[in-house]
């Protein structure tokens, strides 16, 4: 956005785009907070109406942002001179390379590194269940049933 600001193109529209991005991030943070450490099958269990409302807010925020990009920002980008366009491309490539999947990543390097490690662990450590290897949850359920049966004896 700073490249667009420097080119003098649509400052008010860039402010609106940044506000739209904040709205999407807030909605993502709400979804993340509601679903963290919950299996996908159970995201509706705790607060079904609240989750649906949060999901609707996220979809609406994305729709508004996408429409603004398509109708306003992309035409502004098309009018950039070649050097500004190249600078913007470099900035975008750098941002994508260092992006976090966390909706509001920490600003410090240490904080970002901790979030990155946590994200990698979260994605790498998952239950790889098969019928031959039923997984921890199924084993825990079977153990609980067996303990209940032993208690009844």
N, C-alpha and C. Protein backbone atom coordinates (compact mmCIF):
# COMPACT_ATOMS: atom_id res chain seq x y z
N UNK A 1 0.81 -1.19 0.00
CA UNK A 1 0.00 0.00 0.00
C UNK A 1 0.86 1.26 0.00
N UNK A 2 2.05 1.18 0.60
CA UNK A 2 2.91 2.36 0.64
C UNK A 2 3.35 2.78 -0.76
N UNK A 3 3.53 1.81 -1.68
CA UNK A 3 3.89 2.14 -3.05
C UNK A 3 2.76 2.90 -3.71
N UNK A 4 1.53 2.49 -3.45
CA UNK A 4 0.39 3.20 -4.01
C UNK A 4 0.27 4.60 -3.41
N UNK A 5 0.51 4.70 -2.12
CA UNK A 5 0.46 6.01 -1.46
C UNK A 5 1.52 6.94 -2.05
N UNK A 6 2.74 6.40 -2.25
CA UNK A 6 3.84 7.20 -2.79
C UNK A 6 3.54 7.68 -4.21
N UNK A 7 2.77 6.89 -4.94
CA UNK A 7 2.45 7.29 -6.31
C UNK A 7 1.34 8.34 -6.35
N UNK A 8 0.71 8.58 -5.18
CA UNK A 8 -0.34 9.58 -5.10
C UNK A 8 -1.68 9.10 -5.62
N UNK A 9 -1.83 7.81 -5.81
CA UNK A 9 -3.05 7.26 -6.37
C UNK A 9 -4.03 6.83 -5.29
N UNK A 10 -5.17 7.48 -5.22
CA UNK A 10 -6.28 7.03 -4.41
C UNK A 10 -6.03 6.82 -2.94
N UNK A 11 -5.49 7.81 -2.24
CA UNK A 11 -5.21 7.67 -0.81
C UNK A 11 -6.43 7.27 0.00
N UNK A 12 -7.57 7.88 -0.32
CA UNK A 12 -8.82 7.57 0.40
C UNK A 12 -9.22 6.11 0.15
N UNK A 13 -9.04 5.65 -1.07
CA UNK A 13 -9.40 4.27 -1.42
C UNK A 13 -8.45 3.27 -0.75
N UNK A 14 -7.20 3.66 -0.60
CA UNK A 14 -6.23 2.79 0.08
C UNK A 14 -6.58 2.69 1.55
N UNK A 15 -6.99 3.81 2.16
CA UNK A 15 -7.44 3.78 3.55
C UNK A 15 -8.62 2.83 3.70
N UNK A 16 -9.55 2.89 2.76
CA UNK A 16 -10.71 2.00 2.80
C UNK A 16 -10.28 0.54 2.68
N UNK A 17 -9.33 0.27 1.78
CA UNK A 17 -8.83 -1.10 1.60
C UNK A 17 -8.17 -1.60 2.88
N UNK A 18 -7.41 -0.75 3.55
CA UNK A 18 -6.77 -1.16 4.80
C UNK A 18 -7.81 -1.43 5.88
N UNK A 19 -8.89 -0.63 5.91
CA UNK A 19 -9.97 -0.88 6.87
C UNK A 19 -10.66 -2.21 6.54
N UNK A 20 -10.86 -2.47 5.26
CA UNK A 20 -11.46 -3.75 4.84
C UNK A 20 -10.57 -4.92 5.29
N UNK A 21 -9.26 -4.76 5.14
CA UNK A 21 -8.34 -5.81 5.57
C UNK A 21 -8.43 -6.03 7.08
N UNK A 22 -8.53 -4.95 7.84
CA UNK A 22 -8.69 -5.09 9.30
C UNK A 22 -9.97 -5.84 9.64
N UNK A 23 -11.03 -5.56 8.91
CA UNK A 23 -12.30 -6.26 9.15
C UNK A 23 -12.17 -7.75 8.88
N UNK A 24 -11.48 -8.10 7.80
CA UNK A 24 -11.26 -9.52 7.49
C UNK A 24 -10.41 -10.16 8.59
N UNK A 25 -9.35 -9.49 9.02
CA UNK A 25 -8.49 -10.03 10.07
C UNK A 25 -9.25 -10.22 11.38
N UNK A 26 -10.10 -9.26 11.73
CA UNK A 26 -10.89 -9.39 12.95
C UNK A 26 -11.82 -10.59 12.87
N UNK A 27 -12.47 -10.76 11.72
CA UNK A 27 -13.37 -11.91 11.54
C UNK A 27 -12.58 -13.21 11.58
N UNK A 28 -11.39 -13.24 10.95
CA UNK A 28 -10.55 -14.43 11.01
C UNK A 28 -10.11 -14.74 12.44
N UNK A 29 -9.77 -13.70 13.19
CA UNK A 29 -9.37 -13.90 14.58
C UNK A 29 -10.50 -14.50 15.40
N UNK A 30 -11.72 -14.03 15.15
CA UNK A 30 -12.88 -14.57 15.86
C UNK A 30 -13.07 -16.05 15.52
N UNK A 31 -12.99 -16.39 14.25
CA UNK A 31 -13.13 -17.79 13.83
C UNK A 31 -12.01 -18.62 14.44
N UNK A 32 -10.80 -18.12 14.40
CA UNK A 32 -9.66 -18.85 14.96
C UNK A 32 -9.84 -19.08 16.45
N UNK A 33 -10.29 -18.05 17.16
CA UNK A 33 -10.51 -18.18 18.61
C UNK A 33 -11.59 -19.23 18.90
N UNK A 34 -12.64 -19.25 18.10
CA UNK A 34 -13.74 -20.19 18.31
C UNK A 34 -13.37 -21.63 17.96
N UNK A 35 -12.42 -21.81 17.05
CA UNK A 35 -12.12 -23.15 16.55
C UNK A 35 -10.79 -23.71 17.01
N UNK A 36 -10.00 -22.91 17.70
CA UNK A 36 -8.69 -23.39 18.14
C UNK A 36 -8.87 -24.55 19.12
N UNK A 37 -8.16 -25.62 18.87
CA UNK A 37 -8.17 -26.82 19.70
C UNK A 37 -9.52 -27.54 19.68
N UNK A 38 -10.30 -27.34 18.64
CA UNK A 38 -11.58 -28.03 18.49
C UNK A 38 -11.56 -28.78 17.18
N UNK A 39 -12.02 -30.02 17.22
CA UNK A 39 -12.09 -30.80 15.99
C UNK A 39 -13.13 -30.18 15.05
N UNK A 40 -12.89 -30.22 13.74
CA UNK A 40 -13.82 -29.60 12.79
C UNK A 40 -15.27 -30.07 12.94
N UNK A 41 -15.46 -31.33 13.32
CA UNK A 41 -16.82 -31.84 13.49
C UNK A 41 -17.57 -31.17 14.63
N UNK A 42 -16.86 -30.55 15.58
CA UNK A 42 -17.49 -30.02 16.78
C UNK A 42 -17.51 -28.50 16.86
N UNK A 43 -17.17 -27.80 15.79
CA UNK A 43 -17.10 -26.33 15.87
C UNK A 43 -18.47 -25.70 16.17
N UNK A 44 -19.55 -26.39 15.80
CA UNK A 44 -20.89 -25.86 16.06
C UNK A 44 -21.40 -26.23 17.45
N UNK A 45 -20.77 -27.17 18.12
CA UNK A 45 -21.32 -27.73 19.36
C UNK A 45 -21.48 -26.69 20.47
N UNK A 46 -20.50 -25.85 20.69
CA UNK A 46 -20.50 -24.94 21.82
C UNK A 46 -21.49 -23.78 21.62
N UNK A 47 -21.47 -23.16 20.45
CA UNK A 47 -22.31 -21.98 20.19
C UNK A 47 -22.65 -21.96 18.70
N UNK A 48 -23.63 -22.80 18.28
CA UNK A 48 -23.91 -22.92 16.84
C UNK A 48 -24.30 -21.60 16.17
N UNK A 49 -25.15 -20.81 16.81
CA UNK A 49 -25.58 -19.56 16.20
C UNK A 49 -24.44 -18.54 16.15
N UNK A 50 -23.64 -18.50 17.21
CA UNK A 50 -22.50 -17.58 17.24
C UNK A 50 -21.47 -17.93 16.18
N UNK A 51 -21.22 -19.23 16.00
CA UNK A 51 -20.24 -19.64 14.99
C UNK A 51 -20.74 -19.29 13.60
N UNK A 52 -22.01 -19.56 13.33
CA UNK A 52 -22.57 -19.23 12.01
C UNK A 52 -22.52 -17.72 11.77
N UNK A 53 -22.80 -16.94 12.80
CA UNK A 53 -22.74 -15.49 12.67
C UNK A 53 -21.30 -15.02 12.40
N UNK A 54 -20.34 -15.63 13.11
CA UNK A 54 -18.93 -15.28 12.89
C UNK A 54 -18.50 -15.65 11.47
N UNK A 55 -18.93 -16.80 11.02
CA UNK A 55 -18.60 -17.25 9.66
C UNK A 55 -19.25 -16.32 8.63
N UNK A 56 -20.49 -15.93 8.87
CA UNK A 56 -21.16 -14.99 7.97
C UNK A 56 -20.45 -13.65 7.92
N UNK A 57 -19.96 -13.18 9.08
CA UNK A 57 -19.21 -11.92 9.13
C UNK A 57 -17.94 -12.01 8.31
N UNK A 58 -17.25 -13.15 8.41
CA UNK A 58 -16.02 -13.34 7.64
C UNK A 58 -16.32 -13.33 6.15
N UNK A 59 -17.33 -14.06 5.73
CA UNK A 59 -17.68 -14.12 4.30
C UNK A 59 -18.06 -12.73 3.79
N UNK A 60 -18.83 -12.00 4.58
CA UNK A 60 -19.25 -10.65 4.17
C UNK A 60 -18.05 -9.70 4.08
N UNK A 61 -17.14 -9.77 5.05
CA UNK A 61 -15.95 -8.92 5.02
C UNK A 61 -15.09 -9.22 3.79
N UNK A 62 -14.94 -10.49 3.46
CA UNK A 62 -14.16 -10.87 2.27
C UNK A 62 -14.86 -10.38 1.00
N UNK A 63 -16.19 -10.53 0.95
CA UNK A 63 -16.95 -10.09 -0.23
C UNK A 63 -16.79 -8.58 -0.45
N UNK A 64 -16.92 -7.81 0.62
CA UNK A 64 -16.79 -6.35 0.52
C UNK A 64 -15.39 -5.97 0.05
N UNK A 65 -14.38 -6.60 0.65
CA UNK A 65 -13.00 -6.30 0.28
C UNK A 65 -12.73 -6.67 -1.18
N UNK A 66 -13.20 -7.83 -1.60
CA UNK A 66 -12.98 -8.28 -2.99
C UNK A 66 -13.65 -7.35 -3.99
N UNK A 67 -14.88 -6.93 -3.69
CA UNK A 67 -15.58 -6.01 -4.60
C UNK A 67 -14.84 -4.68 -4.71
N UNK A 68 -14.32 -4.19 -3.59
CA UNK A 68 -13.57 -2.93 -3.61
C UNK A 68 -12.28 -3.08 -4.42
N UNK A 69 -11.61 -4.21 -4.23
CA UNK A 69 -10.40 -4.45 -5.03
C UNK A 69 -10.72 -4.45 -6.51
N UNK A 70 -11.75 -5.21 -6.90
CA UNK A 70 -12.09 -5.35 -8.31
C UNK A 70 -12.53 -4.03 -8.95
N UNK A 71 -13.37 -3.28 -8.24
CA UNK A 71 -13.95 -2.09 -8.86
C UNK A 71 -13.08 -0.84 -8.73
N UNK A 72 -12.24 -0.77 -7.67
CA UNK A 72 -11.50 0.47 -7.43
C UNK A 72 -9.99 0.28 -7.47
N UNK A 73 -9.48 -0.68 -6.69
CA UNK A 73 -8.02 -0.80 -6.56
C UNK A 73 -7.34 -1.31 -7.83
N UNK A 74 -7.91 -2.31 -8.47
CA UNK A 74 -7.26 -2.84 -9.68
C UNK A 74 -7.16 -1.78 -10.78
N UNK A 75 -8.20 -0.95 -11.01
CA UNK A 75 -8.02 0.14 -11.98
C UNK A 75 -6.90 1.12 -11.59
N UNK A 76 -6.75 1.40 -10.29
CA UNK A 76 -5.66 2.27 -9.84
C UNK A 76 -4.31 1.61 -10.15
N UNK A 77 -4.22 0.30 -9.88
CA UNK A 77 -2.97 -0.43 -10.17
C UNK A 77 -2.64 -0.41 -11.66
N UNK A 78 -3.67 -0.49 -12.49
CA UNK A 78 -3.44 -0.50 -13.94
C UNK A 78 -2.84 0.81 -14.43
N UNK A 79 -3.04 1.90 -13.68
CA UNK A 79 -2.53 3.21 -14.09
C UNK A 79 -1.13 3.52 -13.55
N UNK A 80 -0.55 2.63 -12.75
CA UNK A 80 0.79 2.87 -12.20
C UNK A 80 1.84 2.86 -13.31
N UNK A 81 2.87 3.67 -13.12
CA UNK A 81 3.96 3.65 -14.08
C UNK A 81 4.75 2.35 -13.89
N UNK A 82 5.53 1.92 -14.89
CA UNK A 82 6.23 0.63 -14.81
C UNK A 82 7.13 0.47 -13.58
N UNK A 83 7.84 1.52 -13.18
CA UNK A 83 8.73 1.41 -12.02
C UNK A 83 7.93 1.19 -10.73
N UNK A 84 6.86 1.95 -10.54
CA UNK A 84 6.02 1.80 -9.35
C UNK A 84 5.38 0.41 -9.33
N UNK A 85 4.99 -0.05 -10.50
CA UNK A 85 4.39 -1.39 -10.60
C UNK A 85 5.40 -2.47 -10.23
N UNK A 86 6.64 -2.31 -10.69
CA UNK A 86 7.70 -3.27 -10.36
C UNK A 86 8.03 -3.24 -8.86
N UNK A 87 8.08 -2.04 -8.28
CA UNK A 87 8.31 -1.91 -6.84
C UNK A 87 7.20 -2.60 -6.04
N UNK A 88 5.98 -2.38 -6.47
CA UNK A 88 4.84 -3.00 -5.80
C UNK A 88 4.91 -4.52 -5.90
N UNK A 89 5.26 -5.04 -7.05
CA UNK A 89 5.40 -6.48 -7.22
C UNK A 89 6.46 -7.05 -6.28
N UNK A 90 7.59 -6.36 -6.16
CA UNK A 90 8.64 -6.80 -5.24
C UNK A 90 8.16 -6.80 -3.80
N UNK A 91 7.41 -5.77 -3.41
CA UNK A 91 6.87 -5.71 -2.05
C UNK A 91 5.87 -6.84 -1.79
N UNK A 92 5.03 -7.12 -2.76
CA UNK A 92 4.05 -8.20 -2.61
C UNK A 92 4.75 -9.55 -2.51
N UNK A 93 5.73 -9.79 -3.36
CA UNK A 93 6.46 -11.07 -3.31
C UNK A 93 7.15 -11.25 -1.95
N UNK A 94 7.75 -10.18 -1.44
CA UNK A 94 8.41 -10.23 -0.13
C UNK A 94 7.38 -10.51 0.97
N UNK A 95 6.23 -9.84 0.91
CA UNK A 95 5.19 -10.03 1.93
C UNK A 95 4.65 -11.46 1.91
N UNK A 96 4.42 -12.00 0.73
CA UNK A 96 3.91 -13.37 0.62
C UNK A 96 4.92 -14.37 1.16
N UNK A 97 6.19 -14.13 0.85
CA UNK A 97 7.25 -15.03 1.30
C UNK A 97 7.32 -15.08 2.82
N UNK A 98 7.05 -13.96 3.48
CA UNK A 98 7.18 -13.88 4.94
C UNK A 98 5.84 -13.81 5.65
N UNK A 99 4.77 -14.15 4.95
CA UNK A 99 3.44 -14.03 5.54
C UNK A 99 3.19 -15.11 6.60
N UNK A 100 2.34 -14.78 7.52
CA UNK A 100 1.91 -15.70 8.58
C UNK A 100 0.46 -16.08 8.31
N UNK A 101 0.09 -17.27 8.71
CA UNK A 101 -1.32 -17.65 8.58
C UNK A 101 -2.11 -17.14 9.78
N UNK A 102 -1.41 -16.59 10.76
CA UNK A 102 -2.07 -16.01 11.93
C UNK A 102 -2.68 -14.68 11.50
N UNK A 103 -3.96 -14.43 11.82
CA UNK A 103 -4.61 -13.21 11.34
C UNK A 103 -3.97 -11.91 11.84
N UNK A 104 -3.44 -11.90 13.04
CA UNK A 104 -2.79 -10.71 13.59
C UNK A 104 -1.44 -11.10 14.16
N UNK A 105 -0.45 -11.31 13.30
CA UNK A 105 0.85 -11.78 13.80
C UNK A 105 1.53 -10.73 14.66
N UNK A 106 2.34 -11.18 15.62
CA UNK A 106 3.08 -10.23 16.47
C UNK A 106 4.03 -9.37 15.62
N UNK A 107 4.35 -8.20 16.15
CA UNK A 107 5.22 -7.28 15.41
C UNK A 107 6.71 -7.55 15.64
N UNK A 108 7.06 -8.17 16.77
CA UNK A 108 8.48 -8.42 17.05
C UNK A 108 8.96 -9.67 16.31
N UNK A 109 10.25 -9.73 16.01
CA UNK A 109 10.82 -10.89 15.32
C UNK A 109 10.67 -12.15 16.15
N UNK A 110 10.92 -12.03 17.47
CA UNK A 110 10.81 -13.20 18.34
C UNK A 110 9.37 -13.69 18.38
N UNK A 111 8.43 -12.77 18.52
CA UNK A 111 7.01 -13.14 18.54
C UNK A 111 6.58 -13.83 17.26
N UNK A 112 7.01 -13.29 16.12
CA UNK A 112 6.67 -13.92 14.83
C UNK A 112 7.29 -15.31 14.73
N UNK A 113 8.53 -15.47 15.22
CA UNK A 113 9.18 -16.78 15.17
C UNK A 113 8.42 -17.79 16.03
N UNK A 114 7.97 -17.37 17.20
CA UNK A 114 7.22 -18.27 18.08
C UNK A 114 5.90 -18.67 17.42
N UNK A 115 5.20 -17.72 16.82
CA UNK A 115 3.95 -18.03 16.13
C UNK A 115 4.21 -18.99 14.97
N UNK A 116 5.29 -18.76 14.22
CA UNK A 116 5.61 -19.63 13.09
C UNK A 116 5.89 -21.06 13.55
N UNK A 117 6.64 -21.20 14.63
CA UNK A 117 6.92 -22.55 15.17
C UNK A 117 5.62 -23.20 15.62
N UNK A 118 4.78 -22.44 16.32
CA UNK A 118 3.50 -22.97 16.77
C UNK A 118 2.63 -23.42 15.62
N UNK A 119 2.60 -22.63 14.53
CA UNK A 119 1.80 -22.99 13.36
C UNK A 119 2.34 -24.27 12.72
N UNK A 120 3.67 -24.38 12.63
CA UNK A 120 4.24 -25.59 12.04
C UNK A 120 3.93 -26.81 12.89
N UNK A 121 4.04 -26.67 14.19
CA UNK A 121 3.71 -27.79 15.08
C UNK A 121 2.24 -28.16 14.96
N UNK A 122 1.39 -27.17 14.90
CA UNK A 122 -0.04 -27.42 14.80
C UNK A 122 -0.38 -28.18 13.52
N UNK A 123 0.32 -27.86 12.42
CA UNK A 123 0.05 -28.52 11.15
C UNK A 123 0.75 -29.87 11.04
N UNK A 124 1.91 -30.01 11.68
CA UNK A 124 2.68 -31.24 11.55
C UNK A 124 2.25 -32.33 12.54
N UNK A 125 1.76 -31.94 13.69
CA UNK A 125 1.37 -32.91 14.70
C UNK A 125 -0.13 -33.09 14.62
N UNK A 126 -0.54 -34.12 13.92
CA UNK A 126 -1.97 -34.40 13.80
C UNK A 126 -2.17 -35.91 13.85
N UNK A 127 -3.36 -36.29 14.14
CA UNK A 127 -3.71 -37.70 14.28
C UNK A 127 -3.83 -38.33 12.90
N UNK A 128 -2.96 -39.21 12.57
CA UNK A 128 -2.95 -39.90 11.28
C UNK A 128 -3.62 -41.27 11.43
N UNK A 129 -4.90 -41.27 11.73
CA UNK A 129 -5.61 -42.52 12.00
C UNK A 129 -5.91 -43.30 10.72
N UNK A 130 -5.83 -44.62 10.84
CA UNK A 130 -6.30 -45.55 9.82
C UNK A 130 -7.03 -46.67 10.55
N UNK A 131 -7.62 -47.60 9.84
CA UNK A 131 -8.30 -48.69 10.52
C UNK A 131 -7.31 -49.57 11.28
N UNK A 132 -6.11 -49.74 10.74
CA UNK A 132 -5.12 -50.55 11.42
C UNK A 132 -4.51 -49.83 12.61
N UNK A 133 -4.49 -48.51 12.55
CA UNK A 133 -3.96 -47.68 13.64
C UNK A 133 -5.06 -46.68 14.00
N UNK A 134 -5.92 -47.03 14.94
CA UNK A 134 -7.15 -46.27 15.17
C UNK A 134 -6.96 -44.85 15.69
N UNK A 135 -5.83 -44.50 16.15
CA UNK A 135 -5.62 -43.14 16.62
C UNK A 135 -5.90 -43.01 18.10
N UNK A 136 -5.37 -41.95 18.64
CA UNK A 136 -5.43 -41.73 20.08
C UNK A 136 -6.87 -41.59 20.57
N UNK A 137 -7.69 -40.82 19.86
CA UNK A 137 -9.06 -40.60 20.33
C UNK A 137 -9.84 -41.90 20.43
N UNK A 138 -9.72 -42.73 19.43
CA UNK A 138 -10.45 -44.00 19.45
C UNK A 138 -9.92 -44.90 20.57
N UNK A 139 -8.62 -44.92 20.76
CA UNK A 139 -8.05 -45.72 21.84
C UNK A 139 -8.52 -45.22 23.20
N UNK A 140 -8.56 -43.90 23.37
CA UNK A 140 -9.04 -43.34 24.64
C UNK A 140 -10.50 -43.72 24.88
N UNK A 141 -11.32 -43.68 23.83
CA UNK A 141 -12.73 -44.05 23.96
C UNK A 141 -12.86 -45.53 24.34
N UNK A 142 -12.07 -46.37 23.68
CA UNK A 142 -12.12 -47.81 23.98
C UNK A 142 -11.63 -48.09 25.40
N UNK A 143 -10.60 -47.37 25.83
CA UNK A 143 -10.09 -47.53 27.19
C UNK A 143 -11.14 -47.10 28.22
N UNK A 144 -11.84 -46.01 27.95
CA UNK A 144 -12.89 -45.54 28.85
C UNK A 144 -14.02 -46.56 28.94
N UNK A 145 -14.40 -47.14 27.81
CA UNK A 145 -15.45 -48.19 27.82
C UNK A 145 -14.99 -49.41 28.60
N UNK A 146 -13.75 -49.79 28.40
CA UNK A 146 -13.21 -50.95 29.11
C UNK A 146 -13.16 -50.68 30.62
N UNK A 147 -12.74 -49.49 31.01
CA UNK A 147 -12.72 -49.13 32.43
C UNK A 147 -14.13 -49.12 33.03
N UNK A 148 -15.10 -48.63 32.27
CA UNK A 148 -16.48 -48.63 32.74
C UNK A 148 -16.99 -50.06 32.91
N UNK A 149 -16.63 -50.94 31.99
CA UNK A 149 -17.05 -52.35 32.07
C UNK A 149 -16.38 -53.01 33.28
N UNK A 150 -15.11 -52.70 33.53
CA UNK A 150 -14.41 -53.27 34.68
C UNK A 150 -15.03 -52.78 36.00
N UNK A 151 -15.48 -51.52 36.02
CA UNK A 151 -16.11 -50.97 37.21
C UNK A 151 -17.43 -51.65 37.53
N UNK A 152 -18.14 -52.11 36.49
CA UNK A 152 -19.43 -52.77 36.70
C UNK A 152 -19.29 -54.19 37.21
N UNK A 153 -18.11 -54.80 37.07
CA UNK A 153 -17.89 -56.18 37.50
C UNK A 153 -17.82 -56.30 38.96
